[in-house]
N, C-alpha and C. Protein backbone atom coordinates (compact mmCIF):
# COMPACT_ATOMS: atom_id res chain seq x y z
N MET A 1 20.89 -1.10 -10.51
CA MET A 1 21.01 -2.04 -9.39
C MET A 1 20.55 -1.39 -8.09
N LYS A 2 20.72 -0.06 -8.00
CA LYS A 2 20.33 0.66 -6.78
C LYS A 2 18.84 0.51 -6.52
N TYR A 3 18.04 0.62 -7.56
CA TYR A 3 16.59 0.55 -7.37
C TYR A 3 16.13 -0.88 -7.07
N ALA A 4 16.84 -1.86 -7.60
CA ALA A 4 16.53 -3.25 -7.25
C ALA A 4 16.77 -3.47 -5.76
N LEU A 5 17.86 -2.90 -5.24
CA LEU A 5 18.13 -3.02 -3.80
C LEU A 5 17.09 -2.28 -2.97
N LEU A 6 16.63 -1.12 -3.46
CA LEU A 6 15.58 -0.39 -2.74
C LEU A 6 14.29 -1.18 -2.70
N ILE A 7 13.95 -1.83 -3.81
CA ILE A 7 12.73 -2.64 -3.84
C ILE A 7 12.86 -3.82 -2.88
N LEU A 8 14.02 -4.48 -2.89
CA LEU A 8 14.25 -5.58 -1.95
C LEU A 8 14.17 -5.11 -0.50
N LEU A 9 14.76 -3.95 -0.23
CA LEU A 9 14.73 -3.39 1.12
C LEU A 9 13.30 -3.07 1.54
N PHE A 10 12.52 -2.52 0.63
CA PHE A 10 11.12 -2.21 0.93
C PHE A 10 10.33 -3.47 1.24
N PHE A 11 10.49 -4.52 0.41
CA PHE A 11 9.77 -5.77 0.66
C PHE A 11 10.23 -6.42 1.96
N ALA A 12 11.54 -6.37 2.23
CA ALA A 12 12.05 -6.93 3.49
C ALA A 12 11.48 -6.19 4.69
N PHE A 13 11.41 -4.86 4.59
CA PHE A 13 10.82 -4.07 5.68
C PHE A 13 9.35 -4.41 5.86
N SER A 14 8.60 -4.47 4.74
CA SER A 14 7.16 -4.71 4.80
C SER A 14 6.82 -6.06 5.41
N ILE A 15 7.67 -7.04 5.19
CA ILE A 15 7.42 -8.36 5.77
C ILE A 15 8.06 -8.47 7.15
N GLY A 16 9.28 -7.98 7.27
CA GLY A 16 10.03 -8.13 8.52
C GLY A 16 9.43 -7.40 9.70
N ILE A 17 8.72 -6.31 9.46
CA ILE A 17 8.16 -5.52 10.57
C ILE A 17 7.15 -6.34 11.37
N PHE A 18 6.53 -7.34 10.73
CA PHE A 18 5.55 -8.17 11.43
C PHE A 18 6.20 -9.23 12.32
N PHE A 19 7.52 -9.36 12.22
CA PHE A 19 8.25 -10.29 13.08
C PHE A 19 8.95 -9.58 14.23
N VAL A 20 8.60 -8.31 14.44
CA VAL A 20 9.21 -7.52 15.51
C VAL A 20 8.11 -7.13 16.51
N PRO A 21 7.87 -7.97 17.51
CA PRO A 21 6.81 -7.67 18.48
C PRO A 21 7.31 -6.89 19.69
N ILE A 22 8.16 -5.90 19.46
CA ILE A 22 8.74 -5.12 20.56
C ILE A 22 8.33 -3.66 20.36
N TRP A 23 7.63 -3.12 21.35
CA TRP A 23 7.06 -1.77 21.20
C TRP A 23 8.11 -0.70 20.98
N TRP A 24 9.23 -0.75 21.72
CA TRP A 24 10.21 0.33 21.58
C TRP A 24 10.88 0.29 20.20
N VAL A 25 10.99 -0.89 19.60
CA VAL A 25 11.56 -0.99 18.25
C VAL A 25 10.58 -0.37 17.25
N LEU A 26 9.29 -0.68 17.39
CA LEU A 26 8.29 -0.11 16.50
C LEU A 26 8.24 1.41 16.64
N ALA A 27 8.34 1.89 17.88
CA ALA A 27 8.33 3.35 18.11
C ALA A 27 9.54 4.00 17.46
N SER A 28 10.71 3.35 17.56
CA SER A 28 11.90 3.93 16.95
C SER A 28 11.82 3.91 15.43
N VAL A 29 11.20 2.87 14.86
CA VAL A 29 10.99 2.84 13.40
C VAL A 29 10.09 3.99 12.98
N PHE A 30 9.04 4.23 13.75
CA PHE A 30 8.13 5.34 13.45
C PHE A 30 8.87 6.67 13.51
N VAL A 31 9.69 6.87 14.53
CA VAL A 31 10.45 8.12 14.65
C VAL A 31 11.38 8.28 13.45
N TRP A 32 12.07 7.20 13.05
CA TRP A 32 12.97 7.28 11.90
C TRP A 32 12.20 7.59 10.62
N GLN A 33 11.01 7.04 10.48
CA GLN A 33 10.20 7.33 9.29
C GLN A 33 9.81 8.81 9.26
N VAL A 34 9.40 9.36 10.40
CA VAL A 34 9.03 10.78 10.45
C VAL A 34 10.25 11.65 10.17
N VAL A 35 11.40 11.31 10.74
CA VAL A 35 12.63 12.07 10.48
C VAL A 35 12.97 12.01 8.99
N PHE A 36 12.84 10.84 8.38
CA PHE A 36 13.11 10.69 6.95
C PHE A 36 12.19 11.59 6.13
N ILE A 37 10.91 11.61 6.49
CA ILE A 37 9.94 12.46 5.77
C ILE A 37 10.32 13.93 5.91
N LEU A 38 10.72 14.35 7.10
CA LEU A 38 11.07 15.76 7.32
C LEU A 38 12.39 16.14 6.66
N VAL A 39 13.39 15.27 6.77
CA VAL A 39 14.72 15.58 6.20
C VAL A 39 14.66 15.66 4.68
N PHE A 40 13.95 14.73 4.06
CA PHE A 40 13.87 14.72 2.60
C PHE A 40 12.70 15.53 2.06
N LYS A 41 12.05 16.28 2.96
CA LYS A 41 10.99 17.24 2.61
C LYS A 41 9.88 16.59 1.79
N LEU A 42 9.46 15.40 2.23
CA LEU A 42 8.30 14.76 1.61
C LEU A 42 7.04 15.42 2.15
N ASN A 43 5.94 15.24 1.48
CA ASN A 43 4.69 15.88 1.85
C ASN A 43 4.10 15.19 3.09
N LEU A 44 4.29 15.81 4.25
CA LEU A 44 3.82 15.23 5.51
C LEU A 44 2.30 15.15 5.56
N MET A 45 1.62 16.16 5.03
CA MET A 45 0.15 16.15 5.04
C MET A 45 -0.39 15.01 4.17
N LYS A 46 0.28 14.72 3.07
CA LYS A 46 -0.14 13.61 2.22
C LYS A 46 0.05 12.29 2.96
N ALA A 47 1.13 12.17 3.72
CA ALA A 47 1.36 10.96 4.51
C ALA A 47 0.27 10.80 5.57
N LEU A 48 -0.09 11.89 6.23
CA LEU A 48 -1.15 11.83 7.24
C LEU A 48 -2.50 11.49 6.62
N ARG A 49 -2.77 12.04 5.43
CA ARG A 49 -4.01 11.70 4.74
C ARG A 49 -4.05 10.21 4.40
N GLY A 50 -2.92 9.68 3.98
CA GLY A 50 -2.84 8.25 3.68
C GLY A 50 -3.13 7.40 4.92
N LEU A 51 -2.59 7.84 6.06
CA LEU A 51 -2.86 7.12 7.31
C LEU A 51 -4.33 7.24 7.71
N LEU A 52 -4.92 8.41 7.47
CA LEU A 52 -6.34 8.58 7.80
C LEU A 52 -7.23 7.73 6.91
N VAL A 53 -6.86 7.59 5.64
CA VAL A 53 -7.62 6.73 4.73
C VAL A 53 -7.54 5.28 5.21
N PHE A 54 -6.40 4.89 5.75
CA PHE A 54 -6.20 3.53 6.23
C PHE A 54 -6.88 3.27 7.58
N LEU A 55 -7.20 4.33 8.32
CA LEU A 55 -7.72 4.20 9.68
C LEU A 55 -8.96 3.31 9.80
N PRO A 56 -10.01 3.47 8.98
CA PRO A 56 -11.16 2.57 9.13
C PRO A 56 -10.80 1.09 8.95
N PHE A 57 -9.95 0.81 7.98
CA PHE A 57 -9.49 -0.56 7.75
C PHE A 57 -8.72 -1.06 8.97
N ALA A 58 -7.88 -0.19 9.55
CA ALA A 58 -7.09 -0.56 10.73
C ALA A 58 -8.00 -0.85 11.92
N VAL A 59 -9.06 -0.08 12.07
CA VAL A 59 -10.00 -0.31 13.18
C VAL A 59 -10.67 -1.67 13.01
N LEU A 60 -11.08 -1.99 11.78
CA LEU A 60 -11.70 -3.30 11.53
C LEU A 60 -10.72 -4.44 11.83
N ILE A 61 -9.48 -4.28 11.43
CA ILE A 61 -8.46 -5.30 11.69
C ILE A 61 -8.26 -5.45 13.20
N PHE A 62 -8.16 -4.32 13.90
CA PHE A 62 -7.98 -4.35 15.35
C PHE A 62 -9.13 -5.10 16.02
N LEU A 63 -10.37 -4.76 15.65
CA LEU A 63 -11.53 -5.40 16.27
C LEU A 63 -11.57 -6.89 15.98
N PHE A 64 -11.24 -7.27 14.75
CA PHE A 64 -11.23 -8.69 14.40
C PHE A 64 -10.15 -9.43 15.19
N LEU A 65 -8.94 -8.87 15.25
CA LEU A 65 -7.86 -9.54 15.97
C LEU A 65 -8.14 -9.61 17.46
N TRP A 66 -8.78 -8.59 17.99
CA TRP A 66 -9.15 -8.60 19.42
C TRP A 66 -10.18 -9.69 19.68
N TRP A 67 -11.16 -9.78 18.77
CA TRP A 67 -12.21 -10.79 18.92
C TRP A 67 -11.64 -12.20 18.77
N ALA A 68 -10.73 -12.38 17.80
CA ALA A 68 -10.18 -13.71 17.53
C ALA A 68 -9.01 -14.06 18.43
N GLY A 69 -8.46 -13.06 19.15
CA GLY A 69 -7.29 -13.29 19.98
C GLY A 69 -7.58 -14.12 21.22
N ASP A 70 -6.53 -14.68 21.77
CA ASP A 70 -6.64 -15.51 22.97
C ASP A 70 -6.16 -14.71 24.16
N SER A 71 -7.04 -14.53 25.13
CA SER A 71 -6.68 -13.79 26.34
C SER A 71 -5.90 -14.66 27.30
N GLY A 72 -5.99 -15.96 27.15
CA GLY A 72 -5.27 -16.87 28.01
C GLY A 72 -5.93 -16.99 29.38
N THR A 73 -5.40 -17.89 30.19
CA THR A 73 -5.88 -18.04 31.56
C THR A 73 -4.74 -17.69 32.50
N TRP A 74 -5.05 -16.97 33.53
CA TRP A 74 -4.03 -16.46 34.45
C TRP A 74 -4.46 -16.75 35.89
N GLU A 75 -3.46 -16.93 36.72
CA GLU A 75 -3.75 -17.10 38.14
C GLU A 75 -4.23 -15.77 38.71
N LEU A 76 -5.06 -15.87 39.73
CA LEU A 76 -5.58 -14.67 40.37
C LEU A 76 -4.42 -13.86 40.93
N GLY A 77 -4.39 -12.60 40.61
CA GLY A 77 -3.32 -11.71 41.07
C GLY A 77 -2.13 -11.66 40.14
N ARG A 78 -2.09 -12.52 39.11
CA ARG A 78 -0.97 -12.53 38.17
C ARG A 78 -1.39 -12.16 36.76
N GLU A 79 -2.52 -11.49 36.65
CA GLU A 79 -2.99 -11.08 35.34
C GLU A 79 -2.04 -10.05 34.76
N PRO A 80 -1.83 -10.09 33.44
CA PRO A 80 -0.97 -9.06 32.82
C PRO A 80 -1.68 -7.71 32.89
N PRO A 81 -0.91 -6.61 32.84
CA PRO A 81 -1.52 -5.28 32.94
C PRO A 81 -2.49 -4.95 31.80
N ILE A 82 -2.27 -5.58 30.64
CA ILE A 82 -3.17 -5.38 29.50
C ILE A 82 -3.52 -6.75 28.93
N ASP A 83 -4.74 -6.89 28.50
CA ASP A 83 -5.21 -8.15 27.93
C ASP A 83 -4.33 -8.53 26.74
N PRO A 84 -3.76 -9.75 26.71
CA PRO A 84 -2.89 -10.14 25.59
C PRO A 84 -3.57 -10.06 24.22
N ALA A 85 -4.88 -10.30 24.16
CA ALA A 85 -5.58 -10.19 22.88
C ALA A 85 -5.58 -8.74 22.40
N ILE A 86 -5.80 -7.81 23.32
CA ILE A 86 -5.78 -6.39 22.95
C ILE A 86 -4.37 -5.97 22.55
N GLU A 87 -3.38 -6.42 23.32
CA GLU A 87 -1.99 -6.05 23.00
C GLU A 87 -1.57 -6.59 21.64
N GLY A 88 -1.95 -7.83 21.33
CA GLY A 88 -1.62 -8.40 20.02
C GLY A 88 -2.30 -7.65 18.89
N ALA A 89 -3.57 -7.29 19.10
CA ALA A 89 -4.29 -6.54 18.07
C ALA A 89 -3.68 -5.16 17.87
N LEU A 90 -3.32 -4.50 18.98
CA LEU A 90 -2.66 -3.18 18.87
C LEU A 90 -1.32 -3.29 18.17
N MET A 91 -0.57 -4.34 18.49
CA MET A 91 0.75 -4.53 17.88
C MET A 91 0.62 -4.70 16.37
N THR A 92 -0.28 -5.55 15.92
CA THR A 92 -0.45 -5.79 14.49
C THR A 92 -0.94 -4.54 13.78
N THR A 93 -1.86 -3.81 14.41
CA THR A 93 -2.36 -2.57 13.81
C THR A 93 -1.24 -1.54 13.69
N ALA A 94 -0.40 -1.41 14.73
CA ALA A 94 0.73 -0.48 14.67
C ALA A 94 1.71 -0.89 13.58
N GLN A 95 1.96 -2.18 13.44
CA GLN A 95 2.86 -2.66 12.39
C GLN A 95 2.31 -2.33 11.01
N MET A 96 0.99 -2.46 10.84
CA MET A 96 0.39 -2.13 9.55
C MET A 96 0.49 -0.64 9.26
N PHE A 97 0.32 0.20 10.28
CA PHE A 97 0.51 1.63 10.08
C PHE A 97 1.93 1.95 9.64
N LEU A 98 2.91 1.26 10.21
CA LEU A 98 4.30 1.48 9.81
C LEU A 98 4.53 1.05 8.36
N VAL A 99 3.88 -0.02 7.94
CA VAL A 99 4.01 -0.46 6.54
C VAL A 99 3.37 0.57 5.60
N VAL A 100 2.21 1.12 6.00
CA VAL A 100 1.57 2.15 5.16
C VAL A 100 2.47 3.37 5.05
N LEU A 101 3.06 3.79 6.17
CA LEU A 101 3.96 4.95 6.14
C LEU A 101 5.22 4.63 5.32
N GLY A 102 5.73 3.41 5.45
CA GLY A 102 6.89 2.99 4.65
C GLY A 102 6.56 2.96 3.16
N THR A 103 5.35 2.55 2.83
CA THR A 103 4.92 2.54 1.43
C THR A 103 4.85 3.96 0.88
N PHE A 104 4.35 4.89 1.70
CA PHE A 104 4.32 6.30 1.28
C PHE A 104 5.74 6.80 1.00
N ILE A 105 6.67 6.50 1.89
CA ILE A 105 8.06 6.94 1.70
C ILE A 105 8.64 6.32 0.43
N PHE A 106 8.39 5.03 0.24
CA PHE A 106 8.93 4.35 -0.95
C PHE A 106 8.37 4.95 -2.23
N THR A 107 7.05 5.14 -2.30
CA THR A 107 6.45 5.65 -3.52
C THR A 107 6.77 7.13 -3.75
N SER A 108 7.13 7.85 -2.69
CA SER A 108 7.49 9.26 -2.84
C SER A 108 8.94 9.44 -3.29
N THR A 109 9.77 8.45 -3.07
CA THR A 109 11.18 8.59 -3.40
C THR A 109 11.60 7.81 -4.64
N VAL A 110 10.80 6.83 -5.05
CA VAL A 110 11.15 6.02 -6.23
C VAL A 110 10.08 6.27 -7.30
N THR A 111 10.50 6.78 -8.44
CA THR A 111 9.55 7.03 -9.52
C THR A 111 9.12 5.72 -10.16
N ILE A 112 8.07 5.77 -10.93
CA ILE A 112 7.55 4.55 -11.56
C ILE A 112 8.56 4.00 -12.58
N VAL A 113 9.30 4.89 -13.23
CA VAL A 113 10.31 4.44 -14.20
C VAL A 113 11.44 3.70 -13.48
N ASN A 114 11.90 4.26 -12.35
CA ASN A 114 12.95 3.60 -11.58
C ASN A 114 12.45 2.29 -10.98
N PHE A 115 11.16 2.27 -10.61
CA PHE A 115 10.56 1.04 -10.10
C PHE A 115 10.60 -0.06 -11.17
N VAL A 116 10.27 0.31 -12.41
CA VAL A 116 10.29 -0.67 -13.51
C VAL A 116 11.72 -1.16 -13.75
N PHE A 117 12.70 -0.24 -13.74
CA PHE A 117 14.10 -0.67 -13.94
C PHE A 117 14.54 -1.63 -12.84
N GLY A 118 14.22 -1.27 -11.59
CA GLY A 118 14.61 -2.13 -10.47
C GLY A 118 13.93 -3.48 -10.52
N LEU A 119 12.64 -3.48 -10.85
CA LEU A 119 11.90 -4.73 -10.92
C LEU A 119 12.40 -5.60 -12.07
N THR A 120 12.78 -4.98 -13.18
CA THR A 120 13.34 -5.73 -14.30
C THR A 120 14.63 -6.42 -13.88
N LYS A 121 15.47 -5.71 -13.13
CA LYS A 121 16.72 -6.31 -12.65
C LYS A 121 16.44 -7.49 -11.72
N LEU A 122 15.44 -7.32 -10.84
CA LEU A 122 15.12 -8.39 -9.90
C LEU A 122 14.55 -9.62 -10.60
N LEU A 123 13.77 -9.40 -11.66
CA LEU A 123 13.11 -10.52 -12.34
C LEU A 123 13.95 -11.14 -13.45
N THR A 124 15.12 -10.57 -13.73
CA THR A 124 15.97 -11.08 -14.81
C THR A 124 16.31 -12.56 -14.67
N PRO A 125 16.58 -13.08 -13.45
CA PRO A 125 16.89 -14.52 -13.36
C PRO A 125 15.76 -15.44 -13.84
N PHE A 126 14.53 -14.94 -13.89
CA PHE A 126 13.42 -15.77 -14.33
C PHE A 126 13.38 -15.98 -15.84
N ARG A 127 14.26 -15.34 -16.56
CA ARG A 127 14.27 -15.55 -18.02
C ARG A 127 14.68 -16.98 -18.35
N TRP A 128 15.36 -17.65 -17.41
CA TRP A 128 15.77 -19.03 -17.64
C TRP A 128 14.59 -19.98 -17.68
N VAL A 129 13.45 -19.55 -17.13
CA VAL A 129 12.24 -20.38 -17.21
C VAL A 129 11.28 -19.85 -18.26
N GLY A 130 11.75 -18.92 -19.09
CA GLY A 130 10.95 -18.43 -20.21
C GLY A 130 10.11 -17.21 -19.93
N LEU A 131 10.29 -16.56 -18.79
CA LEU A 131 9.53 -15.34 -18.48
C LEU A 131 10.30 -14.11 -18.92
N ASN A 132 9.61 -13.18 -19.53
CA ASN A 132 10.23 -11.92 -19.95
C ASN A 132 10.11 -10.92 -18.80
N ALA A 133 11.23 -10.60 -18.17
CA ALA A 133 11.24 -9.73 -16.99
C ALA A 133 10.70 -8.34 -17.32
N ARG A 134 11.04 -7.84 -18.50
CA ARG A 134 10.60 -6.49 -18.88
C ARG A 134 9.08 -6.42 -19.02
N ASP A 135 8.49 -7.43 -19.64
CA ASP A 135 7.03 -7.45 -19.79
C ASP A 135 6.32 -7.52 -18.44
N ILE A 136 6.83 -8.35 -17.55
CA ILE A 136 6.22 -8.46 -16.22
C ILE A 136 6.35 -7.14 -15.46
N ALA A 137 7.53 -6.52 -15.52
CA ALA A 137 7.75 -5.26 -14.81
C ALA A 137 6.86 -4.15 -15.35
N VAL A 138 6.72 -4.07 -16.66
CA VAL A 138 5.86 -3.04 -17.26
C VAL A 138 4.40 -3.29 -16.89
N THR A 139 3.97 -4.54 -16.89
CA THR A 139 2.60 -4.86 -16.51
C THR A 139 2.32 -4.46 -15.08
N ILE A 140 3.24 -4.77 -14.17
CA ILE A 140 3.07 -4.39 -12.76
C ILE A 140 3.07 -2.87 -12.62
N ALA A 141 3.95 -2.20 -13.35
CA ALA A 141 4.02 -0.73 -13.28
C ALA A 141 2.72 -0.10 -13.77
N ILE A 142 2.16 -0.63 -14.83
CA ILE A 142 0.90 -0.09 -15.35
C ILE A 142 -0.21 -0.30 -14.32
N ALA A 143 -0.26 -1.49 -13.72
CA ALA A 143 -1.29 -1.76 -12.71
C ALA A 143 -1.13 -0.84 -11.51
N VAL A 144 0.10 -0.63 -11.06
CA VAL A 144 0.34 0.24 -9.91
C VAL A 144 0.01 1.69 -10.24
N SER A 145 0.31 2.12 -11.45
CA SER A 145 0.04 3.51 -11.82
C SER A 145 -1.45 3.78 -12.00
N PHE A 146 -2.25 2.73 -12.18
CA PHE A 146 -3.69 2.91 -12.30
C PHE A 146 -4.35 3.21 -10.96
N ILE A 147 -3.75 2.82 -9.85
CA ILE A 147 -4.38 2.98 -8.53
C ILE A 147 -4.66 4.44 -8.21
N PRO A 148 -3.68 5.35 -8.29
CA PRO A 148 -4.01 6.75 -7.99
C PRO A 148 -5.02 7.35 -8.98
N ILE A 149 -4.97 6.90 -10.22
CA ILE A 149 -5.93 7.40 -11.21
C ILE A 149 -7.35 6.99 -10.81
N LEU A 150 -7.51 5.73 -10.39
CA LEU A 150 -8.83 5.26 -9.96
C LEU A 150 -9.32 6.00 -8.73
N LEU A 151 -8.43 6.22 -7.76
CA LEU A 151 -8.82 6.95 -6.55
C LEU A 151 -9.24 8.38 -6.88
N ASP A 152 -8.49 9.01 -7.79
CA ASP A 152 -8.82 10.38 -8.19
C ASP A 152 -10.17 10.42 -8.91
N GLU A 153 -10.38 9.46 -9.81
CA GLU A 153 -11.66 9.40 -10.53
C GLU A 153 -12.82 9.20 -9.56
N TYR A 154 -12.64 8.29 -8.61
CA TYR A 154 -13.71 8.02 -7.65
C TYR A 154 -14.03 9.27 -6.83
N THR A 155 -12.99 10.00 -6.41
CA THR A 155 -13.21 11.23 -5.63
C THR A 155 -13.97 12.26 -6.44
N LYS A 156 -13.57 12.45 -7.70
CA LYS A 156 -14.24 13.43 -8.56
C LYS A 156 -15.71 13.05 -8.79
N ILE A 157 -15.95 11.78 -9.07
CA ILE A 157 -17.32 11.33 -9.34
C ILE A 157 -18.18 11.45 -8.09
N SER A 158 -17.63 11.06 -6.95
CA SER A 158 -18.40 11.16 -5.70
C SER A 158 -18.75 12.61 -5.38
N GLN A 159 -17.79 13.51 -5.57
CA GLN A 159 -18.06 14.93 -5.31
C GLN A 159 -19.12 15.47 -6.28
N ALA A 160 -19.04 15.06 -7.53
CA ALA A 160 -20.03 15.52 -8.51
C ALA A 160 -21.42 14.99 -8.17
N LEU A 161 -21.51 13.72 -7.76
CA LEU A 161 -22.80 13.15 -7.39
C LEU A 161 -23.36 13.79 -6.13
N ASN A 162 -22.49 14.07 -5.16
CA ASN A 162 -22.94 14.75 -3.94
C ASN A 162 -23.45 16.15 -4.25
N ALA A 163 -22.77 16.84 -5.17
CA ALA A 163 -23.20 18.19 -5.54
C ALA A 163 -24.57 18.17 -6.23
N LYS A 164 -24.85 17.09 -6.94
CA LYS A 164 -26.14 16.97 -7.62
C LYS A 164 -27.22 16.38 -6.71
N GLY A 165 -26.84 15.97 -5.51
CA GLY A 165 -27.81 15.43 -4.57
C GLY A 165 -28.23 14.01 -4.85
N LYS A 166 -27.39 13.25 -5.52
CA LYS A 166 -27.71 11.86 -5.84
C LYS A 166 -27.47 10.99 -4.60
N ARG A 167 -28.44 10.16 -4.24
CA ARG A 167 -28.33 9.28 -3.08
C ARG A 167 -27.63 7.96 -3.43
N ARG A 168 -27.84 7.48 -4.64
CA ARG A 168 -27.27 6.20 -5.04
C ARG A 168 -25.88 6.44 -5.64
N GLY A 169 -25.06 7.20 -4.95
CA GLY A 169 -23.77 7.60 -5.49
C GLY A 169 -22.77 6.47 -5.67
N LEU A 170 -22.71 5.53 -4.72
CA LEU A 170 -21.69 4.49 -4.78
C LEU A 170 -21.89 3.59 -5.99
N LYS A 171 -23.13 3.18 -6.23
CA LYS A 171 -23.39 2.28 -7.37
C LYS A 171 -23.09 2.98 -8.70
N LEU A 172 -23.56 4.22 -8.82
CA LEU A 172 -23.33 4.96 -10.06
C LEU A 172 -21.85 5.29 -10.24
N ALA A 173 -21.17 5.67 -9.15
CA ALA A 173 -19.74 5.97 -9.23
C ALA A 173 -18.95 4.73 -9.65
N THR A 174 -19.33 3.57 -9.12
CA THR A 174 -18.64 2.33 -9.48
C THR A 174 -18.84 2.00 -10.95
N GLN A 175 -20.06 2.20 -11.46
CA GLN A 175 -20.32 1.93 -12.87
C GLN A 175 -19.50 2.85 -13.77
N VAL A 176 -19.44 4.13 -13.40
CA VAL A 176 -18.67 5.10 -14.20
C VAL A 176 -17.18 4.76 -14.17
N ILE A 177 -16.68 4.38 -12.99
CA ILE A 177 -15.25 4.05 -12.87
C ILE A 177 -14.93 2.81 -13.70
N ILE A 178 -15.79 1.80 -13.66
CA ILE A 178 -15.55 0.59 -14.46
C ILE A 178 -15.51 0.95 -15.95
N TYR A 179 -16.44 1.80 -16.38
CA TYR A 179 -16.44 2.22 -17.78
C TYR A 179 -15.14 2.95 -18.12
N LYS A 180 -14.71 3.87 -17.24
CA LYS A 180 -13.48 4.63 -17.51
C LYS A 180 -12.26 3.73 -17.51
N VAL A 181 -12.22 2.75 -16.60
CA VAL A 181 -11.09 1.83 -16.56
C VAL A 181 -11.01 1.02 -17.86
N LEU A 182 -12.15 0.51 -18.30
CA LEU A 182 -12.15 -0.25 -19.55
C LEU A 182 -11.75 0.61 -20.74
N PHE A 183 -12.23 1.87 -20.74
CA PHE A 183 -11.86 2.79 -21.82
C PHE A 183 -10.36 3.07 -21.80
N ARG A 184 -9.80 3.35 -20.60
CA ARG A 184 -8.36 3.61 -20.51
C ARG A 184 -7.55 2.38 -20.87
N ALA A 185 -8.01 1.20 -20.46
CA ALA A 185 -7.30 -0.03 -20.78
C ALA A 185 -7.28 -0.26 -22.29
N GLY A 186 -8.42 0.01 -22.94
CA GLY A 186 -8.48 -0.12 -24.39
C GLY A 186 -7.55 0.85 -25.08
N SER A 187 -7.53 2.11 -24.61
CA SER A 187 -6.63 3.11 -25.19
C SER A 187 -5.17 2.72 -24.98
N LEU A 188 -4.86 2.22 -23.80
CA LEU A 188 -3.49 1.81 -23.50
C LEU A 188 -3.08 0.64 -24.37
N SER A 189 -3.98 -0.30 -24.57
CA SER A 189 -3.70 -1.45 -25.43
C SER A 189 -3.42 -1.01 -26.87
N GLU A 190 -4.25 -0.10 -27.37
CA GLU A 190 -4.05 0.41 -28.74
C GLU A 190 -2.72 1.15 -28.86
N THR A 191 -2.37 1.92 -27.83
CA THR A 191 -1.10 2.66 -27.84
C THR A 191 0.08 1.71 -27.87
N LEU A 192 0.04 0.68 -27.02
CA LEU A 192 1.14 -0.29 -26.99
C LEU A 192 1.25 -1.05 -28.30
N ASP A 193 0.10 -1.40 -28.89
CA ASP A 193 0.12 -2.07 -30.19
C ASP A 193 0.70 -1.18 -31.28
N ALA A 194 0.31 0.12 -31.25
CA ALA A 194 0.80 1.06 -32.26
C ALA A 194 2.30 1.26 -32.16
N LYS A 195 2.84 1.15 -30.94
CA LYS A 195 4.29 1.32 -30.76
C LYS A 195 5.04 0.02 -30.99
N GLY A 196 4.30 -1.06 -31.29
CA GLY A 196 4.95 -2.33 -31.57
C GLY A 196 5.47 -3.04 -30.34
N TYR A 197 4.91 -2.71 -29.16
CA TYR A 197 5.38 -3.33 -27.93
C TYR A 197 4.94 -4.79 -27.89
N GLY A 198 5.84 -5.65 -27.51
CA GLY A 198 5.52 -7.07 -27.38
C GLY A 198 5.77 -7.87 -28.65
N ASN A 199 6.15 -7.19 -29.73
CA ASN A 199 6.43 -7.92 -30.98
C ASN A 199 7.87 -8.32 -31.05
C-alpha cells in the first residue's frame, strides 16, 4: 500500500505543480527537492544530467509559450515590470523542470518491482470491469524499463558511428535501435510464453 500512495503522491505532484503560479512556492519546492537528493544521497550529477538533457526541449517550450502568450494591453506608465507572456513561459518551464527533478527522485527511490506492486494495488478496482491489474502493471513496467535501455543503446551506437566518422549517424542509429527493440521484444515474448505468463 505504501508504494501505491507514493505513486499517487508522484502523480498528484506532477499535475498539481502546474496549478501553482507562485514563484516563491516553486523556489521552495526546488529547495526541498535538492535537500531530499542530498539527504538521501541520490546521484546529484545524474539529476543534473537529466535536467541538461531536458534543457533543449524546455527552451523550445519556452519560445513557443512566449510566442503564443498574450502580453495584454496596458496603460502608459502602468506596464508590468516583466512581459506577462515571458513570465508565463518562464513559469511553465520552471514547473516542467520541477516535474523532471521530481521524476528523477521518484525513479531513484522506487524500484521497478515496487512500482509494479503499487500500480497493481491502484488498478485493482478495475477488475470489476474485467481488466487484469497485474497484466496492465507488468506491461507498463516493461515499457518503462525499456526507456533507459533504448537511451543507452542510442548513446553507444552514436558514439560508435562518430568514432567511425559516419555522417548519416541518426538514420543508421535509428534503424539499429528499431532492430534491437524488435529483437528484445521477441525475446521477452518468448520468455513470458515459456514461463506460462498470461495463461
